[in-house]
Amino acid sequence: MVHKKFTRRQMFLAAGTTLVVVLILSFYLWQIAEIVSLGYESNLAEKERRELQTQVRRLQAEKAALLALDRVERTARERLGLADPREDQIIYEDGR
């Protein structure tokens, strides 16, 4: 049985080719892992956006309820003791 000896150049070429293939495969796998990671992050961000939109709608409804004129008037009368002004307390702009 005869063993063929490889020249130094052939060994470097084979090692270089193997290294290039390993680097390309590593880059490909890294890229796939990053895409999966970005997908998870995107899903989490979308979920958080939906939750924040729900919270904004709830807060807008709460704001509208708190600013309702009948509620403001009732609070002014009950908590602050305010009442309608008397006729002598009203100042008209046109000087009446």
PDB file of N, CA and C in Angstrom:
ATOM      1  N   MET A   1       0.843  -1.163   0.000  1.00  0.00           N
ATOM      2  CA  MET A   1       0.000   0.000   0.000  1.00  0.00           C
ATOM      3  C   MET A   1       0.896   1.235   0.000  1.00  0.00           C
ATOM      4  N   VAL A   2       0.565   2.156  -0.882  1.00  0.00           N
ATOM      5  CA  VAL A   2       1.385   3.352  -1.036  1.00  0.00           C
ATOM      6  C   VAL A   2       0.613   4.543  -0.489  1.00  0.00           C
ATOM      7  N   HIS A   3       1.269   5.258   0.397  1.00  0.00           N
ATOM      8  CA  HIS A   3       0.654   6.484   0.928  1.00  0.00           C
ATOM      9  C   HIS A   3       1.189   7.655   0.152  1.00  0.00           C
ATOM     10  N   LYS A   4       0.246   8.457  -0.307  1.00  0.00           N
ATOM     11  CA  LYS A   4       0.645   9.626  -1.066  1.00  0.00           C
ATOM     12  C   LYS A   4       0.947  10.736  -0.078  1.00  0.00           C
ATOM     13  N   LYS A   5       2.068  11.360  -0.215  1.00  0.00           N
ATOM     14  CA  LYS A   5       2.435  12.466   0.654  1.00  0.00           C
ATOM     15  C   LYS A   5       1.925  13.763   0.035  1.00  0.00           C
ATOM     16  N   PHE A   6       1.370  14.585   0.901  1.00  0.00           N
ATOM     17  CA  PHE A   6       0.882  15.883   0.438  1.00  0.00           C
ATOM     18  C   PHE A   6       1.989  16.910   0.599  1.00  0.00           C
ATOM     19  N   THR A   7       2.026  17.809  -0.329  1.00  0.00           N
ATOM     20  CA  THR A   7       3.035  18.869  -0.223  1.00  0.00           C
ATOM     21  C   THR A   7       2.554  19.892   0.803  1.00  0.00           C
ATOM     22  N   ARG A   8       3.496  20.688   1.254  1.00  0.00           N
ATOM     23  CA  ARG A   8       3.181  21.721   2.223  1.00  0.00           C
ATOM     24  C   ARG A   8       2.119  22.671   1.650  1.00  0.00           C
ATOM     25  N   ARG A   9       2.236  23.011   0.400  1.00  0.00           N
ATOM     26  CA  ARG A   9       1.264  23.920  -0.251  1.00  0.00           C
ATOM     27  C   ARG A   9      -0.131  23.296  -0.247  1.00  0.00           C
ATOM     28  N   GLN A  10      -0.240  22.029  -0.554  1.00  0.00           N
ATOM     29  CA  GLN A  10      -1.534  21.339  -0.561  1.00  0.00           C
ATOM     30  C   GLN A  10      -2.150  21.305   0.845  1.00  0.00           C
ATOM     31  N   MET A  11      -1.309  21.101   1.857  1.00  0.00           N
ATOM     32  CA  MET A  11      -1.819  21.077   3.226  1.00  0.00           C
ATOM     33  C   MET A  11      -2.324  22.472   3.638  1.00  0.00           C
ATOM     34  N   PHE A  12      -1.575  23.513   3.305  1.00  0.00           N
ATOM     35  CA  PHE A  12      -2.024  24.869   3.622  1.00  0.00           C
ATOM     36  C   PHE A  12      -3.311  25.217   2.869  1.00  0.00           C
ATOM     37  N   LEU A  13      -3.398  24.776   1.633  1.00  0.00           N
ATOM     38  CA  LEU A  13      -4.601  25.024   0.840  1.00  0.00           C
ATOM     39  C   LEU A  13      -5.795  24.296   1.448  1.00  0.00           C
ATOM     40  N   ALA A  14      -5.610  23.065   1.861  1.00  0.00           N
ATOM     41  CA  ALA A  14      -6.702  22.301   2.487  1.00  0.00           C
ATOM     42  C   ALA A  14      -7.095  22.930   3.816  1.00  0.00           C
ATOM     43  N   ALA A  15      -6.096  23.330   4.619  1.00  0.00           N
ATOM     44  CA  ALA A  15      -6.381  23.977   5.914  1.00  0.00           C
ATOM     45  C   ALA A  15      -7.081  25.318   5.694  1.00  0.00           C
ATOM     46  N   GLY A  16      -6.633  26.068   4.729  1.00  0.00           N
ATOM     47  CA  GLY A  16      -7.258  27.369   4.412  1.00  0.00           C
ATOM     48  C   GLY A  16      -8.686  27.200   3.934  1.00  0.00           C
ATOM     49  N   THR A  17      -8.911  26.214   3.064  1.00  0.00           N
ATOM     50  CA  THR A  17     -10.252  25.943   2.566  1.00  0.00           C
ATOM     51  C   THR A  17     -11.169  25.509   3.706  1.00  0.00           C
ATOM     52  N   THR A  18     -10.657  24.647   4.581  1.00  0.00           N
ATOM     53  CA  THR A  18     -11.443  24.199   5.733  1.00  0.00           C
ATOM     54  C   THR A  18     -11.779  25.382   6.642  1.00  0.00           C
ATOM     55  N   LEU A  19     -10.802  26.241   6.877  1.00  0.00           N
ATOM     56  CA  LEU A  19     -11.021  27.421   7.718  1.00  0.00           C
ATOM     57  C   LEU A  19     -12.077  28.347   7.106  1.00  0.00           C
ATOM     58  N   VAL A  20     -12.012  28.564   5.813  1.00  0.00           N
ATOM     59  CA  VAL A  20     -12.994  29.419   5.135  1.00  0.00           C
ATOM     60  C   VAL A  20     -14.393  28.808   5.247  1.00  0.00           C
ATOM     61  N   VAL A  21     -14.499  27.506   5.032  1.00  0.00           N
ATOM     62  CA  VAL A  21     -15.798  26.830   5.137  1.00  0.00           C
ATOM     63  C   VAL A  21     -16.341  26.948   6.561  1.00  0.00           C
ATOM     64  N   VAL A  22     -15.483  26.720   7.559  1.00  0.00           N
ATOM     65  CA  VAL A  22     -15.912  26.826   8.963  1.00  0.00           C
ATOM     66  C   VAL A  22     -16.355  28.252   9.271  1.00  0.00           C
ATOM     67  N   LEU A  23     -15.625  29.245   8.798  1.00  0.00           N
ATOM     68  CA  LEU A  23     -15.997  30.648   9.030  1.00  0.00           C
ATOM     69  C   LEU A  23     -17.335  30.989   8.368  1.00  0.00           C
ATOM     70  N   ILE A  24     -17.531  30.516   7.153  1.00  0.00           N
ATOM     71  CA  ILE A  24     -18.795  30.779   6.455  1.00  0.00           C
ATOM     72  C   ILE A  24     -19.956  30.116   7.199  1.00  0.00           C
ATOM     73  N   LEU A  25     -19.782  28.873   7.624  1.00  0.00           N
ATOM     74  CA  LEU A  25     -20.834  28.180   8.375  1.00  0.00           C
ATOM     75  C   LEU A  25     -21.095  28.860   9.717  1.00  0.00           C
ATOM     76  N   SER A  26     -20.025  29.296  10.383  1.00  0.00           N
ATOM     77  CA  SER A  26     -20.194  29.997  11.656  1.00  0.00           C
ATOM     78  C   SER A  26     -20.966  31.298  11.457  1.00  0.00           C
ATOM     79  N   PHE A  27     -20.627  32.051  10.422  1.00  0.00           N
ATOM     80  CA  PHE A  27     -21.336  33.296  10.133  1.00  0.00           C
ATOM     81  C   PHE A  27     -22.810  33.022   9.826  1.00  0.00           C
ATOM     82  N   TYR A  28     -23.057  31.973   9.061  1.00  0.00           N
ATOM     83  CA  TYR A  28     -24.433  31.606   8.709  1.00  0.00           C
ATOM     84  C   TYR A  28     -25.231  31.250   9.964  1.00  0.00           C
ATOM     85  N   LEU A  29     -24.652  30.428  10.839  1.00  0.00           N
ATOM     86  CA  LEU A  29     -25.341  30.047  12.073  1.00  0.00           C
ATOM     87  C   LEU A  29     -25.550  31.250  12.988  1.00  0.00           C
ATOM     88  N   TRP A  30     -24.554  32.141  13.067  1.00  0.00           N
ATOM     89  CA  TRP A  30     -24.686  33.358  13.876  1.00  0.00           C
ATOM     90  C   TRP A  30     -25.831  34.216  13.329  1.00  0.00           C
ATOM     91  N   GLN A  31     -25.890  34.322  12.016  1.00  0.00           N
ATOM     92  CA  GLN A  31     -26.939  35.115  11.379  1.00  0.00           C
ATOM     93  C   GLN A  31     -28.323  34.533  11.680  1.00  0.00           C
ATOM     94  N   ILE A  32     -28.475  33.242  11.617  1.00  0.00           N
ATOM     95  CA  ILE A  32     -29.748  32.579  11.929  1.00  0.00           C
ATOM     96  C   ILE A  32     -30.116  32.829  13.386  1.00  0.00           C
ATOM     97  N   ALA A  33     -29.139  32.695  14.279  1.00  0.00           N
ATOM     98  CA  ALA A  33     -29.401  32.933  15.705  1.00  0.00           C
ATOM     99  C   ALA A  33     -29.835  34.375  15.949  1.00  0.00           C
ATOM    100  N   GLU A  34     -29.228  35.325  15.271  1.00  0.00           N
ATOM    101  CA  GLU A  34     -29.608  36.739  15.414  1.00  0.00           C
ATOM    102  C   GLU A  34     -31.020  36.990  14.891  1.00  0.00           C
ATOM    103  N   ILE A  35     -31.379  36.361  13.790  1.00  0.00           N
ATOM    104  CA  ILE A  35     -32.718  36.524  13.232  1.00  0.00           C
ATOM    105  C   ILE A  35     -33.762  36.000  14.219  1.00  0.00           C
ATOM    106  N   VAL A  36     -33.486  34.839  14.816  1.00  0.00           N
ATOM    107  CA  VAL A  36     -34.407  34.276  15.809  1.00  0.00           C
ATOM    108  C   VAL A  36     -34.506  35.203  17.018  1.00  0.00           C
ATOM    109  N   SER A  37     -33.367  35.705  17.480  1.00  0.00           N
ATOM    110  CA  SER A  37     -33.346  36.611  18.627  1.00  0.00           C
ATOM    111  C   SER A  37     -34.129  37.888  18.323  1.00  0.00           C
ATOM    112  N   LEU A  38     -33.938  38.447  17.151  1.00  0.00           N
ATOM    113  CA  LEU A  38     -34.671  39.655  16.761  1.00  0.00           C
ATOM    114  C   LEU A  38     -36.164  39.378  16.652  1.00  0.00           C
ATOM    115  N   GLY A  39     -36.514  38.184  16.218  1.00  0.00           N
ATOM    116  CA  GLY A  39     -37.931  37.810  16.157  1.00  0.00           C
ATOM    117  C   GLY A  39     -38.551  37.800  17.538  1.00  0.00           C
ATOM    118  N   TYR A  40     -37.854  37.227  18.515  1.00  0.00           N
ATOM    119  CA  TYR A  40     -38.356  37.223  19.894  1.00  0.00           C
ATOM    120  C   TYR A  40     -38.494  38.647  20.428  1.00  0.00           C
ATOM    121  N   GLU A  41     -37.461  39.460  20.195  1.00  0.00           N
ATOM    122  CA  GLU A  41     -37.506  40.859  20.655  1.00  0.00           C
ATOM    123  C   GLU A  41     -38.652  41.609  19.993  1.00  0.00           C
ATOM    124  N   SER A  42     -38.863  41.362  18.723  1.00  0.00           N
ATOM    125  CA  SER A  42     -39.950  42.022  18.000  1.00  0.00           C
ATOM    126  C   SER A  42     -41.304  41.627  18.581  1.00  0.00           C
ATOM    127  N   ASN A  43     -41.470  40.351  18.876  1.00  0.00           N
ATOM    128  CA  ASN A  43     -42.729  39.889  19.477  1.00  0.00           C
ATOM    129  C   ASN A  43     -42.950  40.511  20.846  1.00  0.00           C
ATOM    130  N   LEU A  44     -41.895  40.597  21.650  1.00  0.00           N
ATOM    131  CA  LEU A  44     -42.018  41.213  22.972  1.00  0.00           C
ATOM    132  C   LEU A  44     -42.369  42.690  22.853  1.00  0.00           C
ATOM    133  N   ALA A  45     -41.730  43.386  21.915  1.00  0.00           N
ATOM    134  CA  ALA A  45     -42.009  44.811  21.718  1.00  0.00           C
ATOM    135  C   ALA A  45     -43.449  45.016  21.243  1.00  0.00           C
ATOM    136  N   GLU A  46     -43.925  44.160  20.374  1.00  0.00           N
ATOM    137  CA  GLU A  46     -45.305  44.263  19.883  1.00  0.00           C
ATOM    138  C   GLU A  46     -46.299  44.017  21.016  1.00  0.00           C
ATOM    139  N   LYS A  47     -46.003  43.041  21.866  1.00  0.00           N
ATOM    140  CA  LYS A  47     -46.875  42.763  23.012  1.00  0.00           C
ATOM    141  C   LYS A  47     -46.906  43.972  23.953  1.00  0.00           C
ATOM    142  N   GLU A  48     -45.742  44.551  24.218  1.00  0.00           N
ATOM    143  CA  GLU A  48     -45.677  45.724  25.092  1.00  0.00           C
ATOM    144  C   GLU A  48     -46.426  46.908  24.473  1.00  0.00           C
ATOM    145  N   ARG A  49     -46.318  47.072  23.143  1.00  0.00           N
ATOM    146  CA  ARG A  49     -47.029  48.160  22.453  1.00  0.00           C
ATOM    147  C   ARG A  49     -48.537  47.994  22.607  1.00  0.00           C
ATOM    148  N   ARG A  50     -49.021  46.758  22.444  1.00  0.00           N
ATOM    149  CA  ARG A  50     -50.462  46.502  22.609  1.00  0.00           C
ATOM    150  C   ARG A  50     -50.910  46.792  24.041  1.00  0.00           C
ATOM    151  N   GLU A  51     -50.096  46.374  25.019  1.00  0.00           N
ATOM    152  CA  GLU A  51     -50.435  46.631  26.415  1.00  0.00           C
ATOM    153  C   GLU A  51     -50.465  48.139  26.711  1.00  0.00           C
ATOM    154  N   LEU A  52     -49.507  48.869  26.153  1.00  0.00           N
ATOM    155  CA  LEU A  52     -49.472  50.315  26.362  1.00  0.00           C
ATOM    156  C   LEU A  52     -50.661  51.003  25.690  1.00  0.00           C
ATOM    157  N   GLN A  53     -51.046  50.522  24.516  1.00  0.00           N
ATOM    158  CA  GLN A  53     -52.222  51.092  23.856  1.00  0.00           C
ATOM    159  C   GLN A  53     -53.476  50.860  24.698  1.00  0.00           C
ATOM    160  N   THR A  54     -53.589  49.675  25.275  1.00  0.00           N
ATOM    161  CA  THR A  54     -54.725  49.385  26.147  1.00  0.00           C
ATOM    162  C   THR A  54     -54.705  50.304  27.359  1.00  0.00           C
ATOM    163  N   GLN A  55     -53.546  50.498  27.940  1.00  0.00           N
ATOM    164  CA  GLN A  55     -53.414  51.379  29.108  1.00  0.00           C
ATOM    165  C   GLN A  55     -53.763  52.819  28.739  1.00  0.00           C
ATOM    166  N   VAL A  56     -53.339  53.274  27.565  1.00  0.00           N
ATOM    167  CA  VAL A  56     -53.655  54.643  27.122  1.00  0.00           C
ATOM    168  C   VAL A  56     -55.163  54.809  26.969  1.00  0.00           C
ATOM    169  N   ARG A  57     -55.824  53.829  26.358  1.00  0.00           N
ATOM    170  CA  ARG A  57     -57.283  53.919  26.197  1.00  0.00           C
ATOM    171  C   ARG A  57     -57.977  53.958  27.558  1.00  0.00           C
ATOM    172  N   ARG A  58     -57.505  53.132  28.491  1.00  0.00           N
ATOM    173  CA  ARG A  58     -58.096  53.107  29.836  1.00  0.00           C
ATOM    174  C   ARG A  58     -57.889  54.454  30.537  1.00  0.00           C
ATOM    175  N   LEU A  59     -56.689  55.009  30.417  1.00  0.00           N
ATOM    176  CA  LEU A  59     -56.401  56.298  31.057  1.00  0.00           C
ATOM    177  C   LEU A  59     -57.186  57.437  30.411  1.00  0.00           C
ATOM    178  N   GLN A  60     -57.386  57.375  29.101  1.00  0.00           N
ATOM    179  CA  GLN A  60     -58.194  58.400  28.432  1.00  0.00           C
ATOM    180  C   GLN A  60     -59.638  58.344  28.911  1.00  0.00           C
ATOM    181  N   ALA A  61     -60.165  57.144  29.081  1.00  0.00           N
ATOM    182  CA  ALA A  61     -61.531  56.996  29.590  1.00  0.00           C
ATOM    183  C   ALA A  61     -61.615  57.506  31.025  1.00  0.00           C
ATOM    184  N   GLU A  62     -60.608  57.213  31.830  1.00  0.00           N
ATOM    185  CA  GLU A  62     -60.581  57.691  33.216  1.00  0.00           C
ATOM    186  C   GLU A  62     -60.481  59.217  33.256  1.00  0.00           C
ATOM    187  N   LYS A  63     -59.672  59.780  32.389  1.00  0.00           N
ATOM    188  CA  LYS A  63     -59.529  61.238  32.309  1.00  0.00           C
ATOM    189  C   LYS A  63     -60.859  61.885  31.937  1.00  0.00           C
ATOM    190  N   ALA A  64     -61.526  61.304  30.928  1.00  0.00           N
ATOM    191  CA  ALA A  64     -62.817  61.851  30.507  1.00  0.00           C
ATOM    192  C   ALA A  64     -63.822  61.802  31.653  1.00  0.00           C
ATOM    193  N   ALA A  65     -63.814  60.710  32.406  1.00  0.00           N
ATOM    194  CA  ALA A  65     -64.749  60.590  33.526  1.00  0.00           C
ATOM    195  C   ALA A  65     -64.422  61.607  34.612  1.00  0.00           C
ATOM    196  N   LEU A  66     -63.126  61.825  34.872  1.00  0.00           N
ATOM    197  CA  LEU A  66     -62.730  62.770  35.920  1.00  0.00           C
ATOM    198  C   LEU A  66     -62.996  64.218  35.523  1.00  0.00           C
ATOM    199  N   LEU A  67     -62.949  64.494  34.230  1.00  0.00           N
ATOM    200  CA  LEU A  67     -63.156  65.870  33.769  1.00  0.00           C
ATOM    201  C   LEU A  67     -64.596  66.166  33.366  1.00  0.00           C
ATOM    202  N   ALA A  68     -65.507  65.227  33.565  1.00  0.00           N
ATOM    203  CA  ALA A  68     -66.909  65.456  33.217  1.00  0.00           C
ATOM    204  C   ALA A  68     -67.418  66.646  34.042  1.00  0.00           C
ATOM    205  N   LEU A  69     -68.097  67.582  33.376  1.00  0.00           N
ATOM    206  CA  LEU A  69     -68.498  68.830  34.028  1.00  0.00           C
ATOM    207  C   LEU A  69     -69.395  68.597  35.242  1.00  0.00           C
ATOM    208  N   ASP A  70     -70.318  67.647  35.174  1.00  0.00           N
ATOM    209  CA  ASP A  70     -71.191  67.417  36.325  1.00  0.00           C
ATOM    210  C   ASP A  70     -70.398  66.896  37.520  1.00  0.00           C
ATOM    211  N   ARG A  71     -69.371  66.102  37.266  1.00  0.00           N
ATOM    212  CA  ARG A  71     -68.530  65.612  38.363  1.00  0.00           C
ATOM    213  C   ARG A  71     -67.700  66.744  38.947  1.00  0.00           C
ATOM    214  N   VAL A  72     -67.139  67.594  38.084  1.00  0.00           N
ATOM    215  CA  VAL A  72     -66.350  68.733  38.556  1.00  0.00           C
ATOM    216  C   VAL A  72     -67.230  69.661  39.393  1.00  0.00           C
ATOM    217  N   GLU A  73     -68.432  69.947  38.912  1.00  0.00           N
ATOM    218  CA  GLU A  73     -69.331  70.821  39.652  1.00  0.00           C
ATOM    219  C   GLU A  73     -69.715  70.208  41.000  1.00  0.00           C
ATOM    220  N   ARG A  74     -70.036  68.936  41.004  1.00  0.00           N
ATOM    221  CA  ARG A  74     -70.408  68.252  42.248  1.00  0.00           C
ATOM    222  C   ARG A  74     -69.249  68.287  43.246  1.00  0.00           C
ATOM    223  N   THR A  75     -68.030  68.049  42.769  1.00  0.00           N
ATOM    224  CA  THR A  75     -66.851  68.092  43.637  1.00  0.00           C
ATOM    225  C   THR A  75     -66.640  69.499  44.182  1.00  0.00           C
ATOM    226  N   ALA A  76     -66.822  70.507  43.327  1.00  0.00           N
ATOM    227  CA  ALA A  76     -66.654  71.897  43.772  1.00  0.00           C
ATOM    228  C   ALA A  76     -67.666  72.247  44.841  1.00  0.00           C
ATOM    229  N   ARG A  77     -68.877  71.798  44.699  1.00  0.00           N
ATOM    230  CA  ARG A  77     -69.922  72.110  45.682  1.00  0.00           C
ATOM    231  C   ARG A  77     -69.735  71.309  46.976  1.00  0.00           C
ATOM    232  N   GLU A  78     -69.466  70.001  46.850  1.00  0.00           N
ATOM    233  CA  GLU A  78     -69.407  69.135  48.029  1.00  0.00           C
ATOM    234  C   GLU A  78     -68.088  69.250  48.792  1.00  0.00           C
ATOM    235  N   ARG A  79     -66.989  69.191  48.107  1.00  0.00           N
ATOM    236  CA  ARG A  79     -65.684  69.182  48.786  1.00  0.00           C
ATOM    237  C   ARG A  79     -65.150  70.573  49.067  1.00  0.00           C
ATOM    238  N   LEU A  80     -65.367  71.487  48.127  1.00  0.00           N
ATOM    239  CA  LEU A  80     -64.791  72.820  48.280  1.00  0.00           C
ATOM    240  C   LEU A  80     -65.784  73.839  48.821  1.00  0.00           C
ATOM    241  N   GLY A  81     -67.045  73.453  48.909  1.00  0.00           N
ATOM    242  CA  GLY A  81     -68.058  74.354  49.452  1.00  0.00           C
ATOM    243  C   GLY A  81     -68.383  75.532  48.547  1.00  0.00           C
ATOM    244  N   LEU A  82     -68.147  75.401  47.258  1.00  0.00           N
ATOM    245  CA  LEU A  82     -68.432  76.494  46.326  1.00  0.00           C
ATOM    246  C   LEU A  82     -69.914  76.499  45.976  1.00  0.00           C
ATOM    247  N   ALA A  83     -70.408  77.693  45.615  1.00  0.00           N
ATOM    248  CA  ALA A  83     -71.812  77.849  45.245  1.00  0.00           C
ATOM    249  C   ALA A  83     -71.892  78.768  44.031  1.00  0.00           C
ATOM    250  N   ASP A  84     -73.082  78.862  43.444  1.00  0.00           N
ATOM    251  CA  ASP A  84     -73.270  79.769  42.316  1.00  0.00           C
ATOM    252  C   ASP A  84     -73.038  81.199  42.803  1.00  0.00           C
ATOM    253  N   PRO A  85     -72.493  82.057  41.952  1.00  0.00           N
ATOM    254  CA  PRO A  85     -72.241  83.442  42.382  1.00  0.00           C
ATOM    255  C   PRO A  85     -73.559  84.219  42.533  1.00  0.00           C
ATOM    256  N   ARG A  86     -73.520  85.161  43.463  1.00  0.00           N
ATOM    257  CA  ARG A  86     -74.679  86.059  43.612  1.00  0.00           C
ATOM    258  C   ARG A  86     -74.620  87.089  42.484  1.00  0.00           C
ATOM    259  N   GLU A  87     -75.719  87.728  42.248  1.00  0.00           N
ATOM    260  CA  GLU A  87     -75.812  88.713  41.159  1.00  0.00           C
ATOM    261  C   GLU A  87     -74.811  89.845  41.350  1.00  0.00           C
ATOM    262  N   ASP A  88     -74.564  90.271  42.586  1.00  0.00           N
ATOM    263  CA  ASP A  88     -73.636  91.382  42.826  1.00  0.00           C
ATOM    264  C   ASP A  88     -72.166  90.965  42.674  1.00  0.00           C
ATOM    265  N   GLN A  89     -71.901  89.669  42.565  1.00  0.00           N
ATOM    266  CA  GLN A  89     -70.531  89.188  42.376  1.00  0.00           C
ATOM    267  C   GLN A  89     -70.166  89.032  40.901  1.00  0.00           C
ATOM    268  N   ILE A  90     -71.124  89.161  40.031  1.00  0.00           N
ATOM    269  CA  ILE A  90     -70.884  88.977  38.604  1.00  0.00           C
ATOM    270  C   ILE A  90     -70.474  90.302  37.989  1.00  0.00           C
ATOM    271  N   ILE A  91     -69.364  90.312  37.279  1.00  0.00           N
ATOM    272  CA  ILE A  91     -68.873  91.517  36.594  1.00  0.00           C
ATOM    273  C   ILE A  91     -68.965  91.227  35.101  1.00  0.00           C
ATOM    274  N   TYR A  92     -69.728  92.075  34.410  1.00  0.00           N
ATOM    275  CA  TYR A  92     -69.880  91.899  32.965  1.00  0.00           C
ATOM    276  C   TYR A  92     -68.812  92.713  32.249  1.00  0.00           C
ATOM    277  N   GLU A  93     -68.368  92.196  31.177  1.00  0.00           N
ATOM    278  CA  GLU A  93     -67.262  92.834  30.440  1.00  0.00           C
ATOM    279  C   GLU A  93     -67.695  94.121  29.769  1.00  0.00           C
ATOM    280  N   ASP A  94     -68.911  94.230  29.321  1.00  0.00           N
ATOM    281  CA  ASP A  94     -69.342  95.430  28.612  1.00  0.00           C
ATOM    282  C   ASP A  94     -69.709  96.558  29.580  1.00  0.00           C
ATOM    283  N   GLY A  95     -69.558  96.384  30.895  1.00  0.00           N
ATOM    284  CA  GLY A  95     -69.745  97.439  31.876  1.00  0.00           C
ATOM    285  C   GLY A  95     -71.147  97.546  32.445  1.00  0.00           C
ATOM    286  N   ARG A  96     -72.025  96.608  32.295  1.00  0.00           N
ATOM    287  CA  ARG A  96     -73.379  96.680  32.836  1.00  0.00           C
ATOM    288  C   ARG A  96     -73.395  96.686  34.315  1.00  0.00           C
TER     289      ARG A  96
END
